[in-house]
């Protein structure tokens, strides 16, 4: 879902006048460090095809924002330029949109707030790159659902600071082949720092995904 956010995070939406349903915390990591924010006003549209029910779903939808909703400065904010700042707007996948409104509603007023991302298991690290460049996409991120910074450590190196690429992807320009890899991550919202030791074995390969045994609270 595109939104006015740089990093991934979890948000909960509901239509004005709808009943807010409480959400029990998932077990496994204790009370979340990241706490839900206050409800705020915004607008929502949808993108994609008709792969959703044709009827009204639940009044509450919890989604993950993964990238920015790009502004369209050539159009008025109320007529095509829905994502122009400072307007709060979310362009949702159609199945998610249809949980809170009919597809022919077009642009609808909503209220939203950030909520803790309830995940099962540890953070997953998907590898891309080559022998001199490692691109890591972090998935299944709990807590605030976002990452402010990431480091990688080979079994023969110290901690190497990784630069932000896009979303929850970070990169390191280093020769790390043949080394077991550990990762250190700091949450953008809660400032919690965790270390995932020996996530990938020494014979790791690009195109593979490796799972840690730790996650944010």
N, C-alpha and C. Protein backbone atom coordinates (compact mmCIF):
# COMPACT_ATOMS: atom_id res chain seq x y z
N UNK A 1 0.84 -1.18 0.00
CA UNK A 1 0.00 0.00 0.00
C UNK A 1 0.88 1.23 0.00
N UNK A 2 0.58 2.20 -0.86
CA UNK A 2 1.34 3.43 -0.91
C UNK A 2 0.80 4.41 0.11
N UNK A 3 1.71 5.08 0.82
CA UNK A 3 1.30 6.05 1.81
C UNK A 3 2.42 7.06 1.99
N UNK A 4 2.15 8.11 2.76
CA UNK A 4 3.14 9.14 2.98
C UNK A 4 4.12 8.71 4.07
N UNK A 5 4.78 7.58 3.85
CA UNK A 5 5.71 7.02 4.81
C UNK A 5 6.89 6.43 4.05
N UNK A 6 8.10 6.57 4.62
CA UNK A 6 9.28 6.07 3.93
C UNK A 6 9.51 4.59 4.21
N UNK A 7 9.34 4.19 5.45
CA UNK A 7 9.60 2.81 5.83
C UNK A 7 8.28 2.07 6.02
N UNK A 8 8.38 0.76 6.02
CA UNK A 8 7.19 -0.04 6.23
C UNK A 8 6.65 0.17 7.63
N UNK A 9 5.32 0.15 7.77
CA UNK A 9 4.70 0.22 9.08
C UNK A 9 3.29 -0.30 8.96
N UNK A 10 2.68 -0.62 10.10
CA UNK A 10 1.33 -1.14 10.11
C UNK A 10 0.36 -0.05 10.52
N UNK A 11 -0.76 0.02 9.80
CA UNK A 11 -1.77 1.00 10.10
C UNK A 11 -3.13 0.34 10.14
N UNK A 12 -4.03 0.94 10.90
CA UNK A 12 -5.38 0.44 10.99
C UNK A 12 -6.33 1.56 10.57
N UNK A 13 -7.31 1.21 9.70
CA UNK A 13 -8.25 2.17 9.17
C UNK A 13 -9.67 1.83 9.59
N UNK A 14 -10.52 2.83 9.69
CA UNK A 14 -11.95 2.57 9.76
C UNK A 14 -12.69 3.79 9.26
N UNK A 15 -13.89 3.56 8.72
CA UNK A 15 -14.69 4.65 8.23
C UNK A 15 -15.24 5.47 9.39
N UNK A 16 -15.44 6.77 9.16
CA UNK A 16 -16.03 7.62 10.18
C UNK A 16 -17.38 7.04 10.60
N UNK A 17 -17.66 7.00 11.90
CA UNK A 17 -18.87 6.47 12.52
C UNK A 17 -18.85 4.96 12.70
N UNK A 18 -17.79 4.29 12.22
CA UNK A 18 -17.72 2.84 12.39
C UNK A 18 -17.25 2.51 13.80
N UNK A 19 -17.60 1.31 14.26
CA UNK A 19 -17.19 0.86 15.58
C UNK A 19 -15.77 0.33 15.50
N UNK A 20 -14.92 0.77 16.42
CA UNK A 20 -13.54 0.31 16.44
C UNK A 20 -13.48 -1.00 17.21
N UNK A 21 -12.91 -2.01 16.60
CA UNK A 21 -12.80 -3.32 17.21
C UNK A 21 -11.45 -3.45 17.88
N UNK A 22 -11.43 -3.86 19.13
CA UNK A 22 -10.16 -4.02 19.84
C UNK A 22 -9.41 -5.21 19.27
N UNK A 23 -8.08 -5.16 19.40
CA UNK A 23 -7.22 -6.19 18.82
C UNK A 23 -6.32 -6.73 19.90
N UNK A 24 -6.40 -8.02 20.15
CA UNK A 24 -5.58 -8.62 21.19
C UNK A 24 -4.15 -8.78 20.70
N UNK A 25 -3.22 -8.60 21.59
CA UNK A 25 -1.81 -8.73 21.22
C UNK A 25 -1.47 -10.20 21.00
N UNK A 26 -0.67 -10.46 19.97
CA UNK A 26 -0.24 -11.83 19.68
C UNK A 26 0.85 -12.22 20.66
N UNK A 27 0.88 -13.50 21.01
CA UNK A 27 1.85 -13.98 21.97
C UNK A 27 3.20 -14.21 21.33
N UNK A 28 4.20 -14.42 22.17
CA UNK A 28 5.51 -14.79 21.66
C UNK A 28 6.59 -13.79 22.03
N UNK A 29 6.28 -12.50 22.07
CA UNK A 29 7.30 -11.51 22.34
C UNK A 29 6.91 -10.54 23.45
N UNK A 30 5.83 -10.79 24.15
CA UNK A 30 5.45 -9.95 25.27
C UNK A 30 4.80 -8.66 24.81
N UNK A 31 4.54 -7.73 25.76
CA UNK A 31 3.89 -6.47 25.42
C UNK A 31 4.72 -5.68 24.41
N UNK A 32 4.10 -5.10 23.39
CA UNK A 32 4.86 -4.39 22.38
C UNK A 32 5.47 -3.11 22.92
N UNK A 33 6.71 -2.82 22.53
CA UNK A 33 7.35 -1.56 22.89
C UNK A 33 6.66 -0.43 22.16
N UNK A 34 6.36 -0.65 20.87
CA UNK A 34 5.66 0.37 20.09
C UNK A 34 4.19 0.36 20.44
N UNK A 35 3.65 1.52 20.82
CA UNK A 35 2.25 1.65 21.19
C UNK A 35 1.46 2.30 20.07
N UNK A 36 0.19 1.94 19.96
CA UNK A 36 -0.67 2.51 18.92
C UNK A 36 -0.79 4.02 19.11
N UNK A 37 -0.85 4.75 18.02
CA UNK A 37 -0.98 6.21 18.07
C UNK A 37 -2.45 6.60 18.11
N UNK A 38 -2.71 7.91 18.21
CA UNK A 38 -4.07 8.42 18.21
C UNK A 38 -4.66 8.37 16.80
N UNK A 39 -5.99 8.28 16.71
CA UNK A 39 -6.66 8.29 15.41
C UNK A 39 -6.49 9.65 14.75
N UNK A 40 -6.27 9.66 13.43
CA UNK A 40 -6.14 10.89 12.65
C UNK A 40 -7.03 10.80 11.42
N UNK A 41 -7.40 11.96 10.88
CA UNK A 41 -8.24 12.01 9.69
C UNK A 41 -7.39 11.90 8.43
N UNK A 42 -7.92 11.24 7.41
CA UNK A 42 -7.22 11.10 6.14
C UNK A 42 -8.23 10.71 5.07
N UNK A 43 -7.73 10.40 3.87
CA UNK A 43 -8.55 9.93 2.76
C UNK A 43 -7.91 8.68 2.18
N UNK A 44 -8.73 7.89 1.48
CA UNK A 44 -8.21 6.65 0.89
C UNK A 44 -8.82 6.41 -0.48
N UNK A 45 -8.03 5.87 -1.37
CA UNK A 45 -8.48 5.38 -2.67
C UNK A 45 -7.95 3.96 -2.80
N UNK A 46 -8.15 3.34 -3.98
CA UNK A 46 -7.62 2.00 -4.19
C UNK A 46 -6.98 1.89 -5.56
N UNK A 47 -6.16 0.87 -5.70
CA UNK A 47 -5.57 0.53 -6.99
C UNK A 47 -5.71 -0.96 -7.20
N UNK A 48 -5.51 -1.43 -8.42
CA UNK A 48 -5.53 -2.87 -8.68
C UNK A 48 -6.82 -3.34 -9.32
N UNK A 49 -7.00 -4.67 -9.35
CA UNK A 49 -8.13 -5.27 -10.05
C UNK A 49 -9.26 -5.62 -9.08
N UNK A 50 -10.19 -6.45 -9.54
CA UNK A 50 -11.39 -6.76 -8.78
C UNK A 50 -11.27 -8.03 -7.95
N UNK A 51 -10.07 -8.39 -7.52
CA UNK A 51 -9.90 -9.64 -6.79
C UNK A 51 -10.26 -9.45 -5.32
N UNK A 52 -11.52 -9.11 -5.08
CA UNK A 52 -12.03 -8.96 -3.71
C UNK A 52 -13.52 -9.16 -3.72
N UNK A 53 -14.08 -9.34 -2.54
CA UNK A 53 -15.51 -9.54 -2.42
C UNK A 53 -16.27 -8.30 -2.88
N UNK A 54 -17.44 -8.50 -3.45
CA UNK A 54 -18.24 -7.38 -3.93
C UNK A 54 -19.10 -6.77 -2.84
N UNK A 55 -19.01 -7.30 -1.63
CA UNK A 55 -19.83 -6.79 -0.54
C UNK A 55 -18.97 -6.08 0.49
N UNK A 56 -19.64 -5.32 1.37
CA UNK A 56 -18.97 -4.58 2.43
C UNK A 56 -18.32 -5.55 3.41
N UNK A 57 -17.01 -5.35 3.75
CA UNK A 57 -16.32 -6.20 4.72
C UNK A 57 -16.34 -5.58 6.11
N UNK A 58 -15.32 -5.94 6.92
CA UNK A 58 -15.21 -5.41 8.27
C UNK A 58 -15.00 -3.91 8.25
N UNK A 59 -15.50 -3.15 9.30
CA UNK A 59 -15.27 -1.70 9.33
C UNK A 59 -13.84 -1.33 9.66
N UNK A 60 -13.01 -2.31 10.01
CA UNK A 60 -11.62 -2.05 10.34
C UNK A 60 -10.72 -2.87 9.42
N UNK A 61 -9.69 -2.24 8.88
CA UNK A 61 -8.72 -2.95 8.04
C UNK A 61 -7.33 -2.61 8.54
N UNK A 62 -6.51 -3.62 8.78
CA UNK A 62 -5.12 -3.41 9.18
C UNK A 62 -4.23 -3.76 8.00
N UNK A 63 -3.41 -2.80 7.58
CA UNK A 63 -2.57 -2.97 6.39
C UNK A 63 -1.14 -2.56 6.71
N UNK A 64 -0.24 -2.87 5.81
CA UNK A 64 1.16 -2.47 5.92
C UNK A 64 1.48 -1.46 4.84
N UNK A 65 1.95 -0.29 5.24
CA UNK A 65 2.38 0.73 4.28
C UNK A 65 3.82 0.42 3.88
N UNK A 66 4.05 0.32 2.58
CA UNK A 66 5.37 -0.11 2.11
C UNK A 66 6.14 0.96 1.34
N UNK A 67 5.47 1.97 0.82
CA UNK A 67 6.19 3.00 0.05
C UNK A 67 5.39 4.29 0.04
N UNK A 68 5.93 5.29 -0.65
CA UNK A 68 5.29 6.59 -0.71
C UNK A 68 4.22 6.64 -1.78
N UNK A 69 3.14 7.32 -1.47
CA UNK A 69 2.12 7.63 -2.48
C UNK A 69 2.61 8.89 -3.20
N UNK A 70 3.02 8.80 -4.47
CA UNK A 70 3.67 9.94 -5.14
C UNK A 70 2.71 11.09 -5.38
N UNK A 71 3.15 12.32 -5.15
CA UNK A 71 2.31 13.49 -5.42
C UNK A 71 2.14 13.71 -6.91
N UNK A 72 1.06 14.39 -7.27
CA UNK A 72 0.80 14.77 -8.66
C UNK A 72 0.55 16.27 -8.67
N UNK A 73 1.62 17.03 -8.78
CA UNK A 73 1.53 18.48 -8.62
C UNK A 73 0.77 19.15 -9.76
N UNK A 74 0.56 18.45 -10.86
CA UNK A 74 -0.18 19.05 -11.98
C UNK A 74 -1.68 19.04 -11.74
N UNK A 75 -2.14 18.33 -10.70
CA UNK A 75 -3.57 18.24 -10.42
C UNK A 75 -3.89 18.86 -9.06
N UNK A 76 -5.12 19.32 -8.95
CA UNK A 76 -5.58 19.89 -7.69
C UNK A 76 -5.66 18.78 -6.63
N UNK A 77 -5.43 19.15 -5.36
CA UNK A 77 -5.45 18.18 -4.27
C UNK A 77 -6.77 17.43 -4.20
N UNK A 78 -7.87 18.09 -4.54
CA UNK A 78 -9.20 17.48 -4.46
C UNK A 78 -9.68 16.90 -5.79
N UNK A 79 -8.81 16.88 -6.80
CA UNK A 79 -9.21 16.39 -8.10
C UNK A 79 -8.02 15.75 -8.82
N UNK A 80 -7.59 14.62 -8.31
CA UNK A 80 -6.50 13.89 -8.95
C UNK A 80 -5.19 13.95 -8.20
N UNK A 81 -4.93 15.02 -7.49
CA UNK A 81 -3.69 15.13 -6.73
C UNK A 81 -3.88 14.68 -5.30
N UNK A 82 -4.46 13.49 -5.15
CA UNK A 82 -4.85 13.03 -3.82
C UNK A 82 -3.67 12.93 -2.85
N UNK A 83 -2.49 12.63 -3.38
CA UNK A 83 -1.35 12.40 -2.49
C UNK A 83 -0.46 13.63 -2.31
N UNK A 84 -0.93 14.78 -2.77
CA UNK A 84 -0.14 16.00 -2.61
C UNK A 84 -0.07 16.41 -1.14
N UNK A 85 1.14 16.60 -0.59
CA UNK A 85 1.26 17.09 0.79
C UNK A 85 0.60 18.47 0.91
N UNK A 86 0.08 18.82 2.10
CA UNK A 86 0.20 18.07 3.36
C UNK A 86 -0.96 17.10 3.61
N UNK A 87 -1.72 16.78 2.57
CA UNK A 87 -2.86 15.89 2.74
C UNK A 87 -2.41 14.49 3.14
N UNK A 88 -3.10 13.90 4.10
CA UNK A 88 -2.85 12.51 4.49
C UNK A 88 -3.73 11.62 3.63
N UNK A 89 -3.10 10.78 2.82
CA UNK A 89 -3.86 9.96 1.87
C UNK A 89 -3.21 8.60 1.72
N UNK A 90 -4.04 7.57 1.55
CA UNK A 90 -3.56 6.20 1.40
C UNK A 90 -4.17 5.58 0.15
N UNK A 91 -3.30 5.12 -0.74
CA UNK A 91 -3.74 4.42 -1.95
C UNK A 91 -3.62 2.93 -1.67
N UNK A 92 -4.77 2.30 -1.41
CA UNK A 92 -4.79 0.93 -0.89
C UNK A 92 -5.03 -0.08 -2.00
N UNK A 93 -4.54 -1.30 -1.79
CA UNK A 93 -4.89 -2.39 -2.68
C UNK A 93 -6.41 -2.60 -2.60
N UNK A 94 -7.03 -2.93 -3.72
CA UNK A 94 -8.48 -3.01 -3.77
C UNK A 94 -9.09 -3.96 -2.74
N UNK A 95 -8.54 -5.17 -2.53
CA UNK A 95 -9.12 -6.05 -1.52
C UNK A 95 -9.15 -5.42 -0.12
N UNK A 96 -8.09 -4.68 0.24
CA UNK A 96 -8.06 -4.01 1.54
C UNK A 96 -9.06 -2.87 1.59
N UNK A 97 -9.15 -2.10 0.50
CA UNK A 97 -10.08 -0.97 0.44
C UNK A 97 -11.52 -1.45 0.61
N UNK A 98 -11.84 -2.59 0.02
CA UNK A 98 -13.21 -3.08 0.06
C UNK A 98 -13.59 -3.67 1.42
N UNK A 99 -12.65 -3.71 2.35
CA UNK A 99 -13.01 -4.08 3.72
C UNK A 99 -13.62 -2.90 4.47
N UNK A 100 -13.40 -1.69 3.98
CA UNK A 100 -13.92 -0.52 4.67
C UNK A 100 -14.88 0.31 3.83
N UNK A 101 -14.97 0.03 2.53
CA UNK A 101 -15.85 0.83 1.66
C UNK A 101 -16.18 0.06 0.40
N UNK A 102 -17.25 0.47 -0.31
CA UNK A 102 -17.57 -0.12 -1.61
C UNK A 102 -16.58 0.37 -2.65
N UNK A 103 -16.29 -0.47 -3.64
CA UNK A 103 -15.28 -0.11 -4.63
C UNK A 103 -15.64 1.15 -5.40
N UNK A 104 -16.96 1.41 -5.59
CA UNK A 104 -17.37 2.60 -6.36
C UNK A 104 -17.43 3.85 -5.50
N UNK A 105 -16.91 3.75 -4.26
CA UNK A 105 -16.89 4.93 -3.40
C UNK A 105 -15.84 5.93 -3.84
N UNK A 106 -14.89 5.50 -4.67
CA UNK A 106 -13.87 6.42 -5.16
C UNK A 106 -12.90 6.81 -4.06
N UNK A 107 -12.95 8.06 -3.68
CA UNK A 107 -12.14 8.55 -2.57
C UNK A 107 -13.04 8.73 -1.36
N UNK A 108 -12.65 8.16 -0.23
CA UNK A 108 -13.50 8.16 0.95
C UNK A 108 -12.75 8.71 2.15
N UNK A 109 -13.45 9.40 3.07
CA UNK A 109 -12.81 9.85 4.31
C UNK A 109 -12.63 8.68 5.25
N UNK A 110 -11.49 8.59 5.88
CA UNK A 110 -11.20 7.53 6.83
C UNK A 110 -10.52 8.14 8.04
N UNK A 111 -10.41 7.34 9.08
CA UNK A 111 -9.55 7.68 10.20
C UNK A 111 -8.51 6.57 10.30
N UNK A 112 -7.29 6.93 10.67
CA UNK A 112 -6.22 5.94 10.74
C UNK A 112 -5.36 6.17 11.96
N UNK A 113 -4.66 5.14 12.33
CA UNK A 113 -3.64 5.25 13.36
C UNK A 113 -2.63 4.14 13.14
N UNK A 114 -1.41 4.36 13.59
CA UNK A 114 -0.40 3.31 13.54
C UNK A 114 -0.61 2.36 14.70
N UNK A 115 -0.46 1.09 14.44
CA UNK A 115 -0.63 0.07 15.47
C UNK A 115 0.58 -0.85 15.44
N UNK A 116 0.85 -1.55 16.54
CA UNK A 116 1.97 -2.50 16.53
C UNK A 116 1.75 -3.58 15.47
N UNK A 117 2.82 -3.94 14.79
CA UNK A 117 2.76 -5.02 13.81
C UNK A 117 2.92 -6.35 14.55
N UNK A 118 1.87 -7.14 14.54
CA UNK A 118 1.89 -8.43 15.22
C UNK A 118 2.40 -9.49 14.25
N UNK A 119 3.58 -10.02 14.50
CA UNK A 119 4.19 -11.01 13.62
C UNK A 119 4.49 -12.29 14.38
N UNK A 120 4.54 -13.38 13.67
CA UNK A 120 4.93 -14.66 14.23
C UNK A 120 6.35 -14.98 13.76
N UNK A 121 7.20 -15.39 14.68
CA UNK A 121 8.56 -15.76 14.31
C UNK A 121 9.48 -14.56 14.20
N UNK A 122 10.69 -14.82 13.72
CA UNK A 122 11.70 -13.79 13.66
C UNK A 122 11.70 -13.01 12.36
N UNK A 123 12.54 -11.99 12.31
CA UNK A 123 12.70 -11.19 11.09
C UNK A 123 13.32 -12.06 10.01
N UNK A 124 12.85 -11.89 8.78
CA UNK A 124 13.39 -12.63 7.63
C UNK A 124 14.23 -11.68 6.77
N UNK A 125 15.35 -12.16 6.32
CA UNK A 125 16.29 -11.37 5.53
C UNK A 125 16.42 -12.00 4.14
N UNK A 126 15.99 -11.27 3.12
CA UNK A 126 16.09 -11.73 1.74
C UNK A 126 17.31 -11.10 1.09
N UNK A 127 18.18 -11.93 0.51
CA UNK A 127 19.45 -11.47 -0.04
C UNK A 127 19.39 -11.30 -1.56
N UNK A 128 19.96 -10.19 -2.02
CA UNK A 128 20.23 -9.96 -3.43
C UNK A 128 21.61 -9.34 -3.53
N UNK A 129 22.14 -9.24 -4.77
CA UNK A 129 23.43 -8.59 -4.94
C UNK A 129 24.44 -9.47 -5.65
N UNK A 130 25.73 -9.25 -5.32
CA UNK A 130 26.82 -10.01 -5.94
C UNK A 130 27.95 -10.12 -4.92
N UNK A 131 29.14 -10.51 -5.40
CA UNK A 131 30.25 -10.72 -4.48
C UNK A 131 30.76 -9.47 -3.79
N UNK A 132 30.39 -8.30 -4.31
CA UNK A 132 30.91 -7.05 -3.75
C UNK A 132 29.80 -6.13 -3.23
N UNK A 133 28.56 -6.57 -3.36
CA UNK A 133 27.42 -5.73 -2.97
C UNK A 133 26.30 -6.63 -2.45
N UNK A 134 25.88 -6.38 -1.22
CA UNK A 134 24.81 -7.17 -0.61
C UNK A 134 23.61 -6.27 -0.35
N UNK A 135 22.47 -6.63 -0.94
CA UNK A 135 21.21 -5.92 -0.72
C UNK A 135 20.31 -6.82 0.11
N UNK A 136 19.86 -6.32 1.26
CA UNK A 136 19.06 -7.12 2.19
C UNK A 136 17.70 -6.47 2.39
N UNK A 137 16.65 -7.26 2.13
CA UNK A 137 15.28 -6.80 2.35
C UNK A 137 14.75 -7.48 3.60
N UNK A 138 14.44 -6.68 4.63
CA UNK A 138 13.95 -7.21 5.90
C UNK A 138 12.43 -7.35 5.85
N UNK A 139 11.94 -8.54 6.20
CA UNK A 139 10.51 -8.82 6.17
C UNK A 139 10.06 -9.36 7.53
N UNK A 140 8.75 -9.40 7.72
CA UNK A 140 8.16 -9.92 8.95
C UNK A 140 8.65 -9.14 10.17
N UNK A 141 8.71 -7.81 10.02
CA UNK A 141 9.22 -6.94 11.07
C UNK A 141 8.10 -6.60 12.03
N UNK A 142 8.27 -6.92 13.30
CA UNK A 142 7.24 -6.67 14.31
C UNK A 142 7.44 -5.30 14.95
N UNK A 143 6.68 -5.04 16.02
CA UNK A 143 6.79 -3.76 16.73
C UNK A 143 6.24 -2.63 15.89
N UNK A 144 7.06 -1.59 15.69
CA UNK A 144 6.65 -0.47 14.85
C UNK A 144 6.63 -0.80 13.38
N UNK A 145 7.21 -1.95 13.01
CA UNK A 145 7.20 -2.38 11.62
C UNK A 145 8.16 -1.63 10.74
N UNK A 146 9.07 -0.85 11.33
CA UNK A 146 9.98 -0.06 10.52
C UNK A 146 11.41 -0.21 11.00
N UNK A 147 12.35 0.20 10.16
CA UNK A 147 13.78 0.08 10.46
C UNK A 147 14.44 1.42 10.18
N UNK A 148 15.16 1.94 11.17
CA UNK A 148 15.88 3.20 10.99
C UNK A 148 17.29 2.98 10.48
N UNK A 149 17.91 1.90 10.92
CA UNK A 149 19.28 1.62 10.52
C UNK A 149 19.57 0.14 10.66
N UNK A 150 20.54 -0.31 9.87
CA UNK A 150 20.91 -1.72 9.88
C UNK A 150 22.42 -1.86 9.68
N UNK A 151 22.98 -2.83 10.38
CA UNK A 151 24.39 -3.16 10.23
C UNK A 151 24.52 -4.65 9.93
N UNK A 152 25.60 -5.01 9.25
CA UNK A 152 25.89 -6.41 8.98
C UNK A 152 27.29 -6.73 9.51
N UNK A 153 27.47 -7.94 9.99
CA UNK A 153 28.78 -8.37 10.50
C UNK A 153 29.08 -9.77 9.97
N UNK A 154 30.18 -9.87 9.28
CA UNK A 154 30.65 -11.17 8.85
C UNK A 154 31.44 -11.83 9.96
N UNK A 155 31.67 -13.12 9.84
CA UNK A 155 32.45 -13.83 10.87
C UNK A 155 33.91 -13.40 10.88
N UNK A 156 34.33 -12.63 9.83
CA UNK A 156 35.70 -12.15 9.77
C UNK A 156 35.77 -10.63 9.77
N UNK A 157 34.67 -9.94 10.04
CA UNK A 157 34.64 -8.48 10.01
C UNK A 157 34.03 -7.93 11.30
N UNK A 158 34.14 -6.62 11.46
CA UNK A 158 33.40 -5.94 12.50
C UNK A 158 32.04 -5.55 11.95
N UNK A 159 31.31 -4.72 12.70
CA UNK A 159 30.00 -4.26 12.24
C UNK A 159 30.16 -3.25 11.12
N UNK A 160 29.45 -3.48 10.02
CA UNK A 160 29.50 -2.60 8.85
C UNK A 160 28.14 -1.91 8.73
N UNK A 161 28.15 -0.58 8.74
CA UNK A 161 26.90 0.17 8.59
C UNK A 161 26.37 0.03 7.18
N UNK A 162 25.08 -0.28 7.04
CA UNK A 162 24.44 -0.45 5.74
C UNK A 162 23.67 0.81 5.39
N UNK A 163 23.68 1.19 4.12
CA UNK A 163 22.96 2.38 3.67
C UNK A 163 21.55 1.99 3.23
N UNK A 164 20.63 2.94 3.38
CA UNK A 164 19.23 2.69 3.01
C UNK A 164 19.08 2.68 1.50
N UNK A 165 18.41 1.67 0.96
CA UNK A 165 18.16 1.58 -0.47
C UNK A 165 16.74 2.02 -0.78
N UNK A 166 15.74 1.30 -0.28
CA UNK A 166 14.33 1.68 -0.41
C UNK A 166 13.52 0.87 0.59
N UNK A 167 12.41 1.42 1.05
CA UNK A 167 11.56 0.68 1.97
C UNK A 167 12.35 0.09 3.12
N UNK A 168 12.24 -1.22 3.30
CA UNK A 168 12.98 -1.90 4.36
C UNK A 168 14.19 -2.63 3.79
N UNK A 169 14.78 -2.09 2.72
CA UNK A 169 15.97 -2.67 2.09
C UNK A 169 17.21 -1.85 2.42
N UNK A 170 18.27 -2.54 2.81
CA UNK A 170 19.54 -1.89 3.13
C UNK A 170 20.66 -2.62 2.40
N UNK A 171 21.74 -1.88 2.12
CA UNK A 171 22.81 -2.43 1.30
C UNK A 171 24.17 -2.18 1.93
N UNK A 172 25.10 -3.08 1.62
CA UNK A 172 26.48 -2.94 2.06
C UNK A 172 27.39 -3.24 0.88
N UNK A 173 28.34 -2.35 0.65
CA UNK A 173 29.32 -2.55 -0.42
C UNK A 173 30.56 -3.15 0.23
N UNK A 174 30.56 -4.47 0.33
CA UNK A 174 31.65 -5.17 1.00
C UNK A 174 31.72 -6.60 0.49
N UNK A 175 32.88 -7.22 0.66
CA UNK A 175 33.08 -8.61 0.27
C UNK A 175 32.78 -9.48 1.49
N UNK A 176 31.62 -10.15 1.47
CA UNK A 176 31.16 -10.90 2.63
C UNK A 176 30.95 -12.38 2.34
N UNK A 177 31.31 -12.81 1.13
CA UNK A 177 31.14 -14.20 0.77
C UNK A 177 31.99 -15.13 1.64
N UNK A 178 31.47 -16.32 1.92
CA UNK A 178 32.19 -17.30 2.72
C UNK A 178 32.20 -17.00 4.20
N UNK A 179 31.35 -16.07 4.65
CA UNK A 179 31.28 -15.73 6.07
C UNK A 179 29.85 -15.85 6.58
N UNK A 180 29.69 -16.35 7.79
CA UNK A 180 28.38 -16.32 8.44
C UNK A 180 28.04 -14.87 8.74
N UNK A 181 26.77 -14.50 8.52
CA UNK A 181 26.37 -13.10 8.65
C UNK A 181 25.41 -12.88 9.81
N UNK A 182 25.69 -11.83 10.57
CA UNK A 182 24.81 -11.38 11.65
C UNK A 182 24.33 -9.97 11.30
N UNK A 183 23.18 -9.58 11.87
CA UNK A 183 22.61 -8.27 11.59
C UNK A 183 22.20 -7.57 12.88
N UNK A 184 22.42 -6.26 12.90
CA UNK A 184 21.96 -5.41 13.99
C UNK A 184 21.00 -4.38 13.41
N UNK A 185 19.83 -4.23 14.03
CA UNK A 185 18.79 -3.34 13.51
C UNK A 185 18.26 -2.44 14.61
N UNK A 186 17.94 -1.20 14.24
CA UNK A 186 17.31 -0.25 15.16
C UNK A 186 15.97 0.18 14.59
N UNK A 187 14.93 0.14 15.42
CA UNK A 187 13.59 0.56 14.99
C UNK A 187 13.52 2.07 14.88
N UNK A 188 12.84 2.56 13.85
CA UNK A 188 12.70 4.00 13.63
C UNK A 188 11.82 4.64 14.69
N UNK A 189 10.76 3.97 15.10
CA UNK A 189 9.79 4.58 16.01
C UNK A 189 10.07 4.29 17.47
N UNK A 190 10.42 3.06 17.81
CA UNK A 190 10.64 2.72 19.22
C UNK A 190 12.10 2.88 19.65
N UNK A 191 13.02 3.00 18.67
CA UNK A 191 14.46 3.13 18.93
C UNK A 191 15.06 1.87 19.56
N UNK A 192 14.30 0.80 19.55
CA UNK A 192 14.81 -0.47 20.07
C UNK A 192 15.87 -1.02 19.12
N UNK A 193 16.95 -1.54 19.67
CA UNK A 193 18.01 -2.16 18.87
C UNK A 193 18.10 -3.64 19.22
N UNK A 194 18.11 -4.47 18.19
CA UNK A 194 18.23 -5.91 18.39
C UNK A 194 19.38 -6.43 17.53
N UNK A 195 19.95 -7.55 17.95
CA UNK A 195 21.03 -8.20 17.20
C UNK A 195 20.62 -9.62 16.87
N UNK A 196 20.68 -9.95 15.60
CA UNK A 196 20.36 -11.30 15.12
C UNK A 196 21.67 -11.96 14.72
N UNK A 197 22.17 -12.83 15.59
CA UNK A 197 23.46 -13.46 15.35
C UNK A 197 23.34 -14.65 14.40
N UNK A 198 24.35 -14.75 13.52
CA UNK A 198 24.50 -15.91 12.62
C UNK A 198 23.20 -16.27 11.91
N UNK A 199 22.58 -15.25 11.30
CA UNK A 199 21.34 -15.46 10.56
C UNK A 199 21.58 -16.32 9.32
N UNK A 200 22.65 -16.02 8.61
CA UNK A 200 22.97 -16.74 7.38
C UNK A 200 24.27 -17.53 7.56
N UNK A 201 24.32 -18.76 7.10
CA UNK A 201 25.55 -19.57 7.23
C UNK A 201 26.64 -19.06 6.29
N UNK A 202 27.81 -19.59 6.43
CA UNK A 202 28.95 -19.15 5.62
C UNK A 202 28.73 -19.40 4.13
N UNK A 203 27.91 -20.38 3.79
CA UNK A 203 27.65 -20.69 2.38
C UNK A 203 26.36 -20.03 1.87
N UNK A 204 26.00 -18.87 2.44
CA UNK A 204 24.78 -18.17 2.02
C UNK A 204 24.86 -17.82 0.53
N UNK A 205 23.69 -17.63 -0.07
CA UNK A 205 23.61 -17.30 -1.49
C UNK A 205 22.58 -16.21 -1.72
N UNK A 206 22.80 -15.40 -2.74
CA UNK A 206 21.80 -14.41 -3.12
C UNK A 206 20.58 -15.15 -3.69
N UNK A 207 19.43 -14.54 -3.53
CA UNK A 207 18.19 -15.18 -3.95
C UNK A 207 17.56 -16.02 -2.86
N UNK A 208 18.26 -16.16 -1.73
CA UNK A 208 17.75 -16.93 -0.62
C UNK A 208 17.25 -16.01 0.49
N UNK A 209 16.38 -16.53 1.35
CA UNK A 209 15.86 -15.80 2.50
C UNK A 209 16.21 -16.57 3.77
N UNK A 210 16.72 -15.85 4.77
CA UNK A 210 17.16 -16.45 6.02
C UNK A 210 16.39 -15.84 7.18
N UNK A 211 16.01 -16.66 8.14
CA UNK A 211 15.17 -16.22 9.24
C UNK A 211 15.94 -16.16 10.55
N UNK A 212 15.81 -15.04 11.25
CA UNK A 212 16.44 -14.87 12.56
C UNK A 212 15.54 -15.44 13.65
N UNK A 213 16.09 -15.58 14.83
CA UNK A 213 15.30 -16.08 15.95
C UNK A 213 14.91 -14.95 16.90
N UNK A 214 14.89 -13.70 16.37
CA UNK A 214 14.57 -12.54 17.19
C UNK A 214 13.76 -11.55 16.37
N UNK A 215 12.98 -10.73 17.08
CA UNK A 215 12.17 -9.71 16.41
C UNK A 215 11.97 -8.55 17.38
N UNK A 216 11.47 -7.42 16.86
CA UNK A 216 11.17 -6.28 17.72
C UNK A 216 9.94 -6.57 18.58
N UNK A 217 9.84 -5.87 19.70
CA UNK A 217 8.69 -6.00 20.58
C UNK A 217 7.61 -4.99 20.18
